[in-house]
Protein backbone atom coordinates (compact mmCIF):
# COMPACT_ATOMS: atom_id res chain seq x y z
CA MET A 1 -110.61 -17.50 4.72
CA THR A 2 -114.22 -18.32 3.82
CA ASP A 3 -114.60 -17.26 0.19
CA TYR A 4 -112.90 -19.01 -2.67
CA ILE A 5 -110.06 -17.15 -4.27
CA THR A 6 -109.64 -18.06 -7.93
CA ILE A 7 -106.02 -17.99 -9.08
CA ALA A 8 -104.96 -18.07 -12.73
CA MET A 9 -101.73 -20.02 -13.03
CA PRO A 10 -99.53 -20.22 -16.13
CA LYS A 11 -98.71 -23.69 -17.39
CA GLY A 12 -95.08 -24.69 -17.73
CA ARG A 13 -92.01 -23.72 -15.74
CA ILE A 14 -93.65 -20.83 -13.88
CA PHE A 15 -96.39 -23.18 -12.67
CA TYR A 16 -93.93 -25.47 -10.90
CA ASP A 17 -92.03 -22.55 -9.39
CA ALA A 18 -95.29 -20.98 -8.21
CA CYS A 19 -96.50 -24.24 -6.63
CA HIS A 20 -93.25 -24.51 -4.72
CA LEU A 21 -93.59 -20.91 -3.55
CA LEU A 22 -97.17 -21.42 -2.36
CA ARG A 23 -96.16 -24.52 -0.42
CA GLU A 24 -93.22 -22.66 1.13
CA ALA A 25 -95.71 -19.98 2.23
CA GLY A 26 -97.75 -22.63 4.05
CA PHE A 27 -100.56 -23.29 1.57
CA ASP A 28 -101.59 -26.92 1.35
CA LEU A 29 -101.50 -28.10 -2.26
CA PRO A 30 -101.86 -31.83 -3.04
CA ASN A 31 -98.79 -33.67 -4.31
CA GLU A 32 -100.53 -34.62 -7.56
CA PHE A 33 -101.34 -30.96 -8.28
CA GLU A 34 -98.48 -30.58 -10.78
CA THR A 35 -99.35 -33.72 -12.76
CA THR A 36 -103.09 -33.26 -13.29
CA ARG A 37 -104.52 -32.62 -16.76
CA LYS A 38 -107.52 -30.72 -15.41
CA LEU A 39 -107.79 -27.04 -16.34
CA ILE A 40 -109.85 -26.03 -13.29
CA LEU A 41 -108.85 -27.33 -9.85
CA THR A 42 -110.54 -26.66 -6.52
CA ILE A 43 -108.53 -27.17 -3.34
CA GLU A 44 -111.19 -27.41 -0.65
CA ASN A 45 -108.96 -27.23 2.41
CA SER A 46 -107.20 -24.09 1.11
CA ASN A 47 -110.31 -22.38 -0.31
CA PHE A 48 -108.49 -21.96 -3.60
CA ARG A 49 -109.74 -22.52 -7.11
CA PHE A 50 -107.06 -22.65 -9.79
CA ILE A 51 -107.36 -21.98 -13.50
CA LEU A 52 -104.49 -23.41 -15.53
CA ALA A 53 -103.88 -21.24 -18.58
CA LYS A 54 -101.34 -20.33 -21.20
CA PRO A 55 -98.95 -17.71 -19.75
CA VAL A 56 -100.03 -15.05 -22.27
CA ASP A 57 -103.69 -15.43 -21.17
CA VAL A 58 -103.28 -15.09 -17.39
CA ALA A 59 -103.53 -11.28 -17.28
CA THR A 60 -106.65 -11.42 -19.48
CA TYR A 61 -108.42 -13.77 -17.07
CA VAL A 62 -107.53 -11.50 -14.17
CA GLU A 63 -108.60 -8.29 -15.93
CA TYR A 64 -112.01 -9.74 -16.79
CA GLY A 65 -112.53 -11.04 -13.26
CA VAL A 66 -112.83 -14.77 -13.96
CA ALA A 67 -109.73 -15.01 -11.76
CA ASP A 68 -109.19 -12.88 -8.66
CA ILE A 69 -105.43 -13.34 -8.71
CA GLY A 70 -102.89 -14.38 -11.31
CA ILE A 71 -99.23 -15.18 -11.55
CA ALA A 72 -97.73 -13.69 -14.68
CA GLY A 73 -94.32 -12.78 -16.02
CA LYS A 74 -93.44 -9.09 -16.18
CA ASP A 75 -93.16 -9.55 -19.96
CA VAL A 76 -96.81 -10.63 -20.19
CA ILE A 77 -97.93 -7.74 -17.99
CA LEU A 78 -96.10 -5.12 -20.06
CA GLU A 79 -97.04 -6.62 -23.42
CA SER A 80 -100.74 -7.10 -22.66
CA ASN A 81 -101.19 -3.80 -20.77
CA ARG A 82 -104.19 -5.18 -18.91
CA ASN A 83 -106.06 -3.32 -16.17
CA VAL A 84 -104.73 -5.22 -13.16
CA TYR A 85 -102.94 -4.40 -9.94
CA GLU A 86 -99.36 -5.61 -9.77
CA MET A 87 -98.98 -6.44 -6.09
CA LEU A 88 -95.81 -8.42 -5.55
CA ASP A 89 -92.65 -9.43 -7.36
CA LEU A 90 -92.43 -13.15 -6.61
CA GLY A 91 -88.87 -13.42 -7.87
CA ILE A 92 -89.49 -16.76 -9.60
CA SER A 93 -88.75 -17.89 -13.16
CA ALA A 94 -86.17 -15.16 -13.62
CA CYS A 95 -84.96 -14.40 -17.13
CA ARG A 96 -84.39 -11.29 -19.23
CA MET A 97 -85.72 -9.55 -22.31
CA ALA A 98 -82.93 -8.91 -24.79
CA VAL A 99 -81.99 -7.86 -28.29
CA ALA A 100 -80.08 -10.56 -30.17
CA GLY A 101 -78.79 -11.12 -33.67
CA LEU A 102 -76.05 -12.55 -35.82
CA PRO A 103 -72.54 -11.40 -34.92
CA ASN A 104 -71.01 -8.81 -37.26
CA ARG A 105 -74.13 -8.70 -39.42
CA LYS A 106 -74.33 -5.74 -41.82
CA GLN A 107 -77.74 -4.08 -41.96
CA GLN A 108 -79.26 -4.33 -45.43
CA SER A 109 -81.47 -1.21 -45.34
CA SER A 110 -81.84 2.11 -43.55
CA VAL A 111 -84.74 0.79 -41.47
CA THR A 112 -83.87 -1.83 -38.86
CA LYS A 113 -86.10 -4.90 -38.97
CA VAL A 114 -86.85 -6.54 -35.64
CA ALA A 115 -88.72 -9.83 -35.22
CA THR A 116 -90.41 -10.51 -31.90
CA LYS A 117 -93.29 -12.03 -29.96
CA TYR A 118 -93.34 -8.81 -27.95
CA PRO A 119 -94.15 -5.97 -30.39
CA THR A 120 -95.28 -3.55 -27.68
CA ILE A 121 -92.15 -3.97 -25.57
CA ALA A 122 -89.86 -3.89 -28.62
CA THR A 123 -91.51 -0.78 -30.06
CA GLU A 124 -91.25 1.08 -26.75
CA TYR A 125 -87.61 0.10 -26.29
CA PHE A 126 -86.44 1.24 -29.72
CA LYS A 127 -88.56 4.39 -29.46
CA LYS A 128 -86.65 5.32 -26.31
CA GLN A 129 -83.41 4.64 -28.17
CA GLY A 130 -84.51 7.05 -30.93
CA LYS A 131 -84.24 4.33 -33.56
CA GLN A 132 -86.58 3.80 -36.49
CA VAL A 133 -87.53 0.12 -36.68
CA ASP A 134 -89.88 -2.14 -38.57
CA ILE A 135 -91.42 -4.54 -36.04
CA ILE A 136 -92.26 -7.99 -37.42
CA SER A 137 -94.59 -9.96 -35.13
CA LEU A 138 -93.98 -13.70 -34.93
CA ASN A 139 -95.42 -16.36 -32.64
CA GLY A 140 -92.60 -18.87 -32.51
CA SER A 141 -89.07 -19.80 -33.62
CA ILE A 142 -88.00 -16.18 -33.35
CA GLU A 143 -84.35 -17.19 -33.76
CA LEU A 144 -85.10 -18.21 -37.35
CA ALA A 145 -85.83 -14.64 -38.49
CA PRO A 146 -82.25 -13.30 -38.72
CA LEU A 147 -80.99 -16.61 -40.12
CA ILE A 148 -83.20 -16.36 -43.19
CA GLY A 149 -82.89 -12.59 -43.62
CA LEU A 150 -86.36 -11.72 -42.38
CA SER A 151 -84.98 -9.41 -39.69
CA ASP A 152 -81.77 -7.77 -38.56
CA TYR A 153 -82.43 -8.50 -34.89
CA ILE A 154 -84.84 -10.25 -32.57
CA VAL A 155 -86.29 -9.20 -29.22
CA ASP A 156 -87.05 -12.20 -27.05
CA ILE A 157 -86.83 -13.79 -23.62
CA VAL A 158 -83.39 -15.16 -22.78
CA SER A 159 -82.73 -17.52 -19.89
CA THR A 160 -79.49 -19.45 -20.33
CA GLY A 161 -78.77 -18.24 -23.87
CA GLN A 162 -78.35 -21.83 -25.08
CA THR A 163 -80.94 -21.50 -27.87
CA LEU A 164 -79.23 -18.37 -29.17
CA ARG A 165 -75.83 -20.06 -29.21
CA GLU A 166 -77.13 -23.17 -30.94
CA ASN A 167 -78.46 -20.98 -33.75
CA GLY A 168 -75.33 -18.85 -34.08
CA LEU A 169 -76.90 -15.76 -32.49
CA VAL A 170 -75.49 -13.52 -29.78
CA GLU A 171 -77.17 -11.43 -27.11
CA LEU A 172 -76.48 -7.78 -27.93
CA THR A 173 -78.40 -5.72 -25.38
CA LYS A 174 -80.37 -6.52 -22.25
CA ILE A 175 -83.65 -4.61 -22.22
CA MET A 176 -84.91 -5.63 -18.77
CA GLU A 177 -84.91 -8.32 -16.12
CA ILE A 178 -88.05 -10.44 -16.02
CA THR A 179 -89.60 -12.20 -13.02
CA SER A 180 -93.10 -13.43 -12.25
CA ARG A 181 -95.51 -11.12 -10.44
CA LEU A 182 -98.67 -11.53 -8.41
CA ILE A 183 -101.46 -9.58 -10.12
CA VAL A 184 -104.96 -8.86 -8.83
CA ASN A 185 -108.28 -7.88 -10.36
CA PRO A 186 -109.21 -4.38 -9.06
CA VAL A 187 -112.84 -5.31 -8.28
CA SER A 188 -111.80 -8.53 -6.57
CA TYR A 189 -109.38 -6.59 -4.42
CA ARG A 190 -112.19 -4.35 -3.17
CA LEU A 191 -114.57 -7.24 -2.52
CA LYS A 192 -112.06 -9.80 -1.22
CA LYS A 193 -109.37 -7.53 0.15
CA LYS A 194 -108.99 -9.37 3.45
CA ASN A 195 -108.49 -12.76 1.82
CA ILE A 196 -106.19 -11.44 -0.89
CA ASP A 197 -104.10 -9.50 1.61
CA TYR A 198 -103.83 -12.70 3.65
CA ILE A 199 -102.27 -14.49 0.66
CA ILE A 200 -99.90 -11.60 -0.02
CA GLU A 201 -98.79 -11.42 3.62
CA LYS A 202 -98.12 -15.16 3.66
CA LEU A 203 -96.01 -14.87 0.51
CA LYS A 204 -94.03 -11.78 1.49
CA PRO A 205 -91.63 -13.43 3.98
CA ILE A 206 -90.79 -16.13 1.42
CA VAL A 207 -90.26 -13.56 -1.32
CA GLU A 208 -88.13 -11.34 0.92
CA VAL A 209 -85.70 -14.21 1.52
CA THR A 210 -84.92 -14.06 -2.22
CA GLY A 211 -84.31 -10.33 -2.00
CA VAL A 212 -87.24 -9.17 -4.12
CA GLY A 213 -90.54 -7.49 -3.37
CA MET A 214 -92.79 -4.77 -4.62
CA ASP A 215 -91.52 -2.46 -7.34
């Protein structure tokens, strides 16, 4: 590989899982990579340049071409609806999108109120169910909404369910399984296809061990 490949990486749990996956695939990342506070990192011996970003911004960086490749959760990809190629299901940071609420709660009006950080996903889900809903967009502490009467339900990411239980909520319906995906900028894929395919081919055997792959 001779050209730099710029990879947008989400901060947080996915970042650590992704670093482990890249190392398993044979890419040489320095040990201090996970502890740095830098937002742009160049790994000379791997010809990689990394951009560390908020998870919700990764697909945006890839769509606009400032990153050739990104690692993003399926939730981010669906919610942002960016023009990117989804190349590989990496199978890391698995969780699920679900509907949750208070047990045995009686709905107060004819229109169901749903609070969520994922209005696009929630709207599409309830549309398919043939239900009329009022989507309330929130950015944090989604579990609070049904507790104070702001919403009947929430749509959010669930991993262990511990946060729901601690707030007296229950998971009612699973909407979809969520894992992190490798996404690629369409122009980058034309110009750097050989290098990008090299990365994908190195990752595939590791991913296949976990039993996941392309959709």
